[in-house]
Structures are given as structure tokens and as C-alpha cells.
Amino acid sequence: MYIYMGHMKYEHTKPYEDWFWKKN
């Protein structure tokens, strides 16, 4: 809901950085 309301962007809702998955 907060993406739609302008409080956050999609990238702000990702708990882990994109590099996290490859590293792990």
C-alpha cells in the first residue's frame, strides 16, 4: 500500500540488496 501512497518506492521494499542472493 505504501508504494501506491508514495511513501516508498518498490526498491525500498526489498529487505536485501540485489547482490545478497548471489553472495549467498
PDB file of all heavy atoms in Angstrom:
ATOM      1  N   MET A   1       0.815  -1.205   0.000  1.00  0.00           N
ATOM      2  CA  MET A   1       0.000   0.000   0.000  1.00  0.00           C
ATOM      3  C   MET A   1       0.851   1.259   0.000  1.00  0.00           C
ATOM      4  O   MET A   1       0.455   2.285  -0.572  1.00  0.00           O
ATOM      5  CB  MET A   1      -0.935   0.005   1.212  1.00  0.00           C
ATOM      6  CG  MET A   1      -0.250   0.071   2.549  1.00  0.00           C
ATOM      7  SD  MET A   1      -1.406  -0.017   3.973  1.00  0.00           S
ATOM      8  CE  MET A   1      -2.268   1.528   3.812  1.00  0.00           C
ATOM      9  N   TYR A   2       2.042   1.193   0.616  1.00  0.00           N
ATOM     10  CA  TYR A   2       2.862   2.393   0.744  1.00  0.00           C
ATOM     11  C   TYR A   2       3.535   2.781  -0.568  1.00  0.00           C
ATOM     12  O   TYR A   2       3.924   3.943  -0.746  1.00  0.00           O
ATOM     13  CB  TYR A   2       3.881   2.206   1.862  1.00  0.00           C
ATOM     14  CG  TYR A   2       3.219   1.962   3.195  1.00  0.00           C
ATOM     15  CD1 TYR A   2       3.311   0.724   3.833  1.00  0.00           C
ATOM     16  CD2 TYR A   2       2.450   2.951   3.800  1.00  0.00           C
ATOM     17  CE1 TYR A   2       2.673   0.492   5.037  1.00  0.00           C
ATOM     18  CE2 TYR A   2       1.809   2.732   5.009  1.00  0.00           C
ATOM     19  CZ  TYR A   2       1.915   1.496   5.626  1.00  0.00           C
ATOM     20  OH  TYR A   2       1.265   1.267   6.812  1.00  0.00           O
ATOM     21  N   ILE A   3       3.686   1.837  -1.474  1.00  0.00           N
ATOM     22  CA  ILE A   3       4.184   2.173  -2.808  1.00  0.00           C
ATOM     23  C   ILE A   3       3.156   3.040  -3.515  1.00  0.00           C
ATOM     24  O   ILE A   3       3.478   4.095  -4.079  1.00  0.00           O
ATOM     25  CB  ILE A   3       4.479   0.904  -3.623  1.00  0.00           C
ATOM     26  CG1 ILE A   3       5.524   0.033  -2.924  1.00  0.00           C
ATOM     27  CG2 ILE A   3       4.958   1.275  -5.030  1.00  0.00           C
ATOM     28  CD1 ILE A   3       5.775  -1.303  -3.601  1.00  0.00           C
ATOM     29  N   TYR A   4       1.915   2.610  -3.487  1.00  0.00           N
ATOM     30  CA  TYR A   4       0.831   3.360  -4.140  1.00  0.00           C
ATOM     31  C   TYR A   4       0.676   4.750  -3.520  1.00  0.00           C
ATOM     32  O   TYR A   4       0.436   5.741  -4.219  1.00  0.00           O
ATOM     33  CB  TYR A   4      -0.476   2.584  -4.004  1.00  0.00           C
ATOM     34  CG  TYR A   4      -1.672   3.236  -4.665  1.00  0.00           C
ATOM     35  CD1 TYR A   4      -2.015   2.928  -5.982  1.00  0.00           C
ATOM     36  CD2 TYR A   4      -2.468   4.134  -3.965  1.00  0.00           C
ATOM     37  CE1 TYR A   4      -3.116   3.511  -6.580  1.00  0.00           C
ATOM     38  CE2 TYR A   4      -3.570   4.726  -4.550  1.00  0.00           C
ATOM     39  CZ  TYR A   4      -3.895   4.412  -5.862  1.00  0.00           C
ATOM     40  OH  TYR A   4      -4.992   4.996  -6.459  1.00  0.00           O
ATOM     41  N   MET A   5       0.820   4.834  -2.191  1.00  0.00           N
ATOM     42  CA  MET A   5       0.613   6.100  -1.497  1.00  0.00           C
ATOM     43  C   MET A   5       1.794   7.050  -1.613  1.00  0.00           C
ATOM     44  O   MET A   5       1.738   8.187  -1.130  1.00  0.00           O
ATOM     45  CB  MET A   5       0.294   5.822  -0.020  1.00  0.00           C
ATOM     46  CG  MET A   5      -1.015   5.087   0.180  1.00  0.00           C
ATOM     47  SD  MET A   5      -1.251   4.440   1.867  1.00  0.00           S
ATOM     48  CE  MET A   5      -1.448   5.956   2.792  1.00  0.00           C
ATOM     49  N   GLY A   6       2.884   6.579  -2.239  1.00  0.00           N
ATOM     50  CA  GLY A   6       4.036   7.440  -2.450  1.00  0.00           C
ATOM     51  C   GLY A   6       4.989   7.531  -1.282  1.00  0.00           C
ATOM     52  O   GLY A   6       5.944   8.312  -1.300  1.00  0.00           O
ATOM     53  N   HIS A   7       4.775   6.711  -0.248  1.00  0.00           N
ATOM     54  CA  HIS A   7       5.661   6.733   0.914  1.00  0.00           C
ATOM     55  C   HIS A   7       6.947   5.961   0.654  1.00  0.00           C
ATOM     56  O   HIS A   7       7.960   6.207   1.313  1.00  0.00           O
ATOM     57  CB  HIS A   7       4.954   6.119   2.125  1.00  0.00           C
ATOM     58  CG  HIS A   7       3.721   6.860   2.540  1.00  0.00           C
ATOM     59  ND1 HIS A   7       2.878   6.401   3.520  1.00  0.00           N
ATOM     60  CD2 HIS A   7       3.177   8.020   2.103  1.00  0.00           C
ATOM     61  CE1 HIS A   7       1.861   7.244   3.670  1.00  0.00           C
ATOM     62  NE2 HIS A   7       2.033   8.220   2.817  1.00  0.00           N
ATOM     63  N   MET A   8       6.886   5.014  -0.273  1.00  0.00           N
ATOM     64  CA  MET A   8       8.041   4.179  -0.584  1.00  0.00           C
ATOM     65  C   MET A   8       8.069   3.903  -2.083  1.00  0.00           C
ATOM     66  O   MET A   8       7.044   4.014  -2.763  1.00  0.00           O
ATOM     67  CB  MET A   8       7.971   2.832   0.172  1.00  0.00           C
ATOM     68  CG  MET A   8       7.802   2.936   1.667  1.00  0.00           C
ATOM     69  SD  MET A   8       7.618   1.301   2.453  1.00  0.00           S
ATOM     70  CE  MET A   8       9.326   0.761   2.472  1.00  0.00           C
ATOM     71  N   LYS A   9       9.237   3.549  -2.567  1.00  0.00           N
ATOM     72  CA  LYS A   9       9.362   3.018  -3.916  1.00  0.00           C
ATOM     73  C   LYS A   9       9.560   1.510  -3.817  1.00  0.00           C
ATOM     74  O   LYS A   9       9.920   0.991  -2.761  1.00  0.00           O
ATOM     75  CB  LYS A   9      10.545   3.664  -4.636  1.00  0.00           C
ATOM     76  CG  LYS A   9      10.374   5.157  -4.880  1.00  0.00           C
ATOM     77  CD  LYS A   9      11.570   5.733  -5.621  1.00  0.00           C
ATOM     78  CE  LYS A   9      11.387   7.212  -5.886  1.00  0.00           C
ATOM     79  NZ  LYS A   9      12.562   7.799  -6.593  1.00  0.00           N
ATOM     80  N   TYR A  10       9.350   0.829  -4.938  1.00  0.00           N
ATOM     81  CA  TYR A  10       9.489  -0.628  -4.916  1.00  0.00           C
ATOM     82  C   TYR A  10      10.838  -1.061  -4.361  1.00  0.00           C
ATOM     83  O   TYR A  10      10.918  -1.971  -3.522  1.00  0.00           O
ATOM     84  CB  TYR A  10       9.293  -1.191  -6.327  1.00  0.00           C
ATOM     85  CG  TYR A  10       9.777  -2.616  -6.485  1.00  0.00           C
ATOM     86  CD1 TYR A  10       9.143  -3.661  -5.819  1.00  0.00           C
ATOM     87  CD2 TYR A  10      10.893  -2.916  -7.274  1.00  0.00           C
ATOM     88  CE1 TYR A  10       9.596  -4.968  -5.941  1.00  0.00           C
ATOM     89  CE2 TYR A  10      11.347  -4.212  -7.405  1.00  0.00           C
ATOM     90  CZ  TYR A  10      10.695  -5.230  -6.732  1.00  0.00           C
ATOM     91  OH  TYR A  10      11.159  -6.519  -6.850  1.00  0.00           O
ATOM     92  N   GLU A  11      11.912  -0.382  -4.770  1.00  0.00           N
ATOM     93  CA  GLU A  11      13.246  -0.791  -4.322  1.00  0.00           C
ATOM     94  C   GLU A  11      13.409  -0.631  -2.816  1.00  0.00           C
ATOM     95  O   GLU A  11      14.235  -1.315  -2.198  1.00  0.00           O
ATOM     96  CB  GLU A  11      14.343  -0.016  -5.060  1.00  0.00           C
ATOM     97  CG  GLU A  11      14.196   1.490  -5.039  1.00  0.00           C
ATOM     98  CD  GLU A  11      13.465   2.033  -6.253  1.00  0.00           C
ATOM     99  OE1 GLU A  11      12.591   1.309  -6.800  1.00  0.00           O
ATOM    100  OE2 GLU A  11      13.763   3.170  -6.654  1.00  0.00           O
ATOM    101  N   HIS A  12      12.625   0.254  -2.204  1.00  0.00           N
ATOM    102  CA  HIS A  12      12.702   0.424  -0.749  1.00  0.00           C
ATOM    103  C   HIS A  12      12.067  -0.746   0.003  1.00  0.00           C
ATOM    104  O   HIS A  12      12.314  -0.913   1.199  1.00  0.00           O
ATOM    105  CB  HIS A  12      11.985   1.712  -0.330  1.00  0.00           C
ATOM    106  CG  HIS A  12      12.550   2.944  -0.951  1.00  0.00           C
ATOM    107  ND1 HIS A  12      11.798   4.083  -1.197  1.00  0.00           N
ATOM    108  CD2 HIS A  12      13.793   3.213  -1.412  1.00  0.00           C
ATOM    109  CE1 HIS A  12      12.557   4.999  -1.762  1.00  0.00           C
ATOM    110  NE2 HIS A  12      13.767   4.491  -1.902  1.00  0.00           N
ATOM    111  N   THR A  13      11.242  -1.519  -0.671  1.00  0.00           N
ATOM    112  CA  THR A  13      10.530  -2.623  -0.016  1.00  0.00           C
ATOM    113  C   THR A  13      11.324  -3.927  -0.040  1.00  0.00           C
ATOM    114  O   THR A  13      10.864  -4.934   0.499  1.00  0.00           O
ATOM    115  CB  THR A  13       9.164  -2.868  -0.680  1.00  0.00           C
ATOM    116  OG1 THR A  13       9.348  -3.413  -2.000  1.00  0.00           O
ATOM    117  CG2 THR A  13       8.359  -1.578  -0.783  1.00  0.00           C
ATOM    118  N   LYS A  14      12.496  -3.919  -0.658  1.00  0.00           N
ATOM    119  CA  LYS A  14      13.321  -5.125  -0.718  1.00  0.00           C
ATOM    120  C   LYS A  14      14.222  -5.177   0.520  1.00  0.00           C
ATOM    121  O   LYS A  14      15.108  -4.337   0.673  1.00  0.00           O
ATOM    122  CB  LYS A  14      14.152  -5.141  -2.010  1.00  0.00           C
ATOM    123  CG  LYS A  14      13.301  -5.258  -3.261  1.00  0.00           C
ATOM    124  CD  LYS A  14      14.133  -5.498  -4.511  1.00  0.00           C
ATOM    125  CE  LYS A  14      14.870  -4.254  -4.943  1.00  0.00           C
ATOM    126  NZ  LYS A  14      15.563  -4.463  -6.246  1.00  0.00           N
ATOM    127  N   PRO A  15      14.005  -6.150   1.413  1.00  0.00           N
ATOM    128  CA  PRO A  15      14.802  -6.215   2.647  1.00  0.00           C
ATOM    129  C   PRO A  15      16.284  -6.481   2.411  1.00  0.00           C
ATOM    130  O   PRO A  15      17.100  -6.205   3.292  1.00  0.00           O
ATOM    131  CB  PRO A  15      14.166  -7.375   3.419  1.00  0.00           C
ATOM    132  CG  PRO A  15      12.783  -7.497   2.860  1.00  0.00           C
ATOM    133  CD  PRO A  15      12.923  -7.143   1.413  1.00  0.00           C
ATOM    134  N   TYR A  16      16.643  -7.024   1.244  1.00  0.00           N
ATOM    135  CA  TYR A  16      18.033  -7.381   0.964  1.00  0.00           C
ATOM    136  C   TYR A  16      18.484  -6.723  -0.336  1.00  0.00           C
ATOM    137  O   TYR A  16      17.696  -6.576  -1.280  1.00  0.00           O
ATOM    138  CB  TYR A  16      18.195  -8.901   0.869  1.00  0.00           C
ATOM    139  CG  TYR A  16      17.664  -9.626   2.077  1.00  0.00           C
ATOM    140  CD1 TYR A  16      16.413 -10.231   2.054  1.00  0.00           C
ATOM    141  CD2 TYR A  16      18.397  -9.664   3.265  1.00  0.00           C
ATOM    142  CE1 TYR A  16      15.906 -10.869   3.177  1.00  0.00           C
ATOM    143  CE2 TYR A  16      17.890 -10.310   4.387  1.00  0.00           C
ATOM    144  CZ  TYR A  16      16.644 -10.897   4.340  1.00  0.00           C
ATOM    145  OH  TYR A  16      16.138 -11.520   5.453  1.00  0.00           O
ATOM    146  N   GLU A  17      19.741  -6.346  -0.355  1.00  0.00           N
ATOM    147  CA  GLU A  17      20.315  -5.799  -1.585  1.00  0.00           C
ATOM    148  C   GLU A  17      20.329  -6.871  -2.672  1.00  0.00           C
ATOM    149  O   GLU A  17      20.375  -8.069  -2.376  1.00  0.00           O
ATOM    150  CB  GLU A  17      21.749  -5.308  -1.319  1.00  0.00           C
ATOM    151  CG  GLU A  17      21.856  -4.188  -0.295  1.00  0.00           C
ATOM    152  CD  GLU A  17      21.320  -2.866  -0.811  1.00  0.00           C
ATOM    153  OE1 GLU A  17      21.069  -2.760  -2.028  1.00  0.00           O
ATOM    154  OE2 GLU A  17      21.149  -1.933   0.003  1.00  0.00           O
ATOM    155  N   ASP A  18      20.320  -6.438  -3.920  1.00  0.00           N
ATOM    156  CA  ASP A  18      20.252  -7.396  -5.027  1.00  0.00           C
ATOM    157  C   ASP A  18      21.454  -8.336  -5.062  1.00  0.00           C
ATOM    158  O   ASP A  18      21.350  -9.469  -5.543  1.00  0.00           O
ATOM    159  CB  ASP A  18      20.129  -6.644  -6.364  1.00  0.00           C
ATOM    160  CG  ASP A  18      18.796  -5.916  -6.490  1.00  0.00           C
ATOM    161  OD1 ASP A  18      17.907  -6.132  -5.639  1.00  0.00           O
ATOM    162  OD2 ASP A  18      18.646  -5.125  -7.443  1.00  0.00           O
ATOM    163  N   TRP A  19      22.592  -7.880  -4.523  1.00  0.00           N
ATOM    164  CA  TRP A  19      23.780  -8.746  -4.522  1.00  0.00           C
ATOM    165  C   TRP A  19      23.700  -9.854  -3.474  1.00  0.00           C
ATOM    166  O   TRP A  19      24.483 -10.801  -3.491  1.00  0.00           O
ATOM    167  CB  TRP A  19      25.058  -7.936  -4.295  1.00  0.00           C
ATOM    168  CG  TRP A  19      25.036  -6.991  -3.128  1.00  0.00           C
ATOM    169  CD1 TRP A  19      24.862  -5.641  -3.170  1.00  0.00           C
ATOM    170  CD2 TRP A  19      25.186  -7.324  -1.735  1.00  0.00           C
ATOM    171  NE1 TRP A  19      24.899  -5.105  -1.903  1.00  0.00           N
ATOM    172  CE2 TRP A  19      25.098  -6.113  -0.996  1.00  0.00           C
ATOM    173  CE3 TRP A  19      25.390  -8.518  -1.035  1.00  0.00           C
ATOM    174  CZ2 TRP A  19      25.192  -6.071   0.397  1.00  0.00           C
ATOM    175  CZ3 TRP A  19      25.485  -8.485   0.356  1.00  0.00           C
ATOM    176  CH2 TRP A  19      25.379  -7.279   1.056  1.00  0.00           C
ATOM    177  N   PHE A  20      22.766  -9.737  -2.536  1.00  0.00           N
ATOM    178  CA  PHE A  20      22.654 -10.687  -1.428  1.00  0.00           C
ATOM    179  C   PHE A  20      22.478 -12.115  -1.919  1.00  0.00           C
ATOM    180  O   PHE A  20      23.052 -13.060  -1.375  1.00  0.00           O
ATOM    181  CB  PHE A  20      21.468 -10.272  -0.552  1.00  0.00           C
ATOM    182  CG  PHE A  20      21.118 -11.250   0.540  1.00  0.00           C
ATOM    183  CD1 PHE A  20      21.725 -11.170   1.782  1.00  0.00           C
ATOM    184  CD2 PHE A  20      20.181 -12.260   0.327  1.00  0.00           C
ATOM    185  CE1 PHE A  20      21.399 -12.061   2.793  1.00  0.00           C
ATOM    186  CE2 PHE A  20      19.843 -13.152   1.336  1.00  0.00           C
ATOM    187  CZ  PHE A  20      20.466 -13.058   2.565  1.00  0.00           C
ATOM    188  N   TRP A  21      21.690 -12.285  -2.979  1.00  0.00           N
ATOM    189  CA  TRP A  21      21.312 -13.628  -3.427  1.00  0.00           C
ATOM    190  C   TRP A  21      22.490 -14.370  -4.043  1.00  0.00           C
ATOM    191  O   TRP A  21      22.720 -15.547  -3.745  1.00  0.00           O
ATOM    192  CB  TRP A  21      20.138 -13.520  -4.392  1.00  0.00           C
ATOM    193  CG  TRP A  21      19.060 -12.659  -3.804  1.00  0.00           C
ATOM    194  CD1 TRP A  21      18.752 -11.364  -4.120  1.00  0.00           C
ATOM    195  CD2 TRP A  21      18.190 -13.018  -2.724  1.00  0.00           C
ATOM    196  NE1 TRP A  21      17.748 -10.896  -3.315  1.00  0.00           N
ATOM    197  CE2 TRP A  21      17.384 -11.887  -2.454  1.00  0.00           C
ATOM    198  CE3 TRP A  21      18.016 -14.177  -1.962  1.00  0.00           C
ATOM    199  CZ2 TRP A  21      16.420 -11.894  -1.449  1.00  0.00           C
ATOM    200  CZ3 TRP A  21      17.065 -14.190  -0.965  1.00  0.00           C
ATOM    201  CH2 TRP A  21      16.272 -13.057  -0.714  1.00  0.00           C
ATOM    202  N   LYS A  22      23.258 -13.663  -4.865  1.00  0.00           N
ATOM    203  CA  LYS A  22      24.426 -14.296  -5.470  1.00  0.00           C
ATOM    204  C   LYS A  22      25.480 -14.601  -4.412  1.00  0.00           C
ATOM    205  O   LYS A  22      26.090 -15.685  -4.403  1.00  0.00           O
ATOM    206  CB  LYS A  22      25.015 -13.393  -6.556  1.00  0.00           C
ATOM    207  CG  LYS A  22      26.177 -14.028  -7.309  1.00  0.00           C
ATOM    208  CD  LYS A  22      26.658 -13.132  -8.441  1.00  0.00           C
ATOM    209  CE  LYS A  22      27.808 -13.790  -9.203  1.00  0.00           C
ATOM    210  NZ  LYS A  22      28.274 -12.916 -10.322  1.00  0.00           N
ATOM    211  N   LYS A  23      25.681 -13.663  -3.498  1.00  0.00           N
ATOM    212  CA  LYS A  23      26.675 -13.856  -2.445  1.00  0.00           C
ATOM    213  C   LYS A  23      26.338 -15.072  -1.596  1.00  0.00           C
ATOM    214  O   LYS A  23      27.240 -15.819  -1.174  1.00  0.00           O
ATOM    215  CB  LYS A  23      26.747 -12.605  -1.564  1.00  0.00           C
ATOM    216  CG  LYS A  23      27.750 -12.735  -0.415  1.00  0.00           C
ATOM    217  CD  LYS A  23      27.778 -11.478   0.443  1.00  0.00           C
ATOM    218  CE  LYS A  23      28.739 -11.656   1.613  1.00  0.00           C
ATOM    219  NZ  LYS A  23      28.783 -10.451   2.485  1.00  0.00           N
ATOM    220  N   ASN A  24      25.042 -15.293  -1.352  1.00  0.00           N
ATOM    221  CA  ASN A  24      24.612 -16.417  -0.518  1.00  0.00           C
ATOM    222  C   ASN A  24      24.239 -17.651  -1.336  1.00  0.00           C
ATOM    223  O   ASN A  24      23.663 -18.595  -0.797  1.00  0.00           O
ATOM    224  CB  ASN A  24      23.433 -15.983   0.356  1.00  0.00           C
ATOM    225  CG  ASN A  24      23.863 -15.072   1.473  1.00  0.00           C
ATOM    226  OD1 ASN A  24      24.335 -15.518   2.511  1.00  0.00           O
ATOM    227  ND2 ASN A  24      23.728 -13.762   1.257  1.00  0.00           N
TER     228      ASN A  24
END
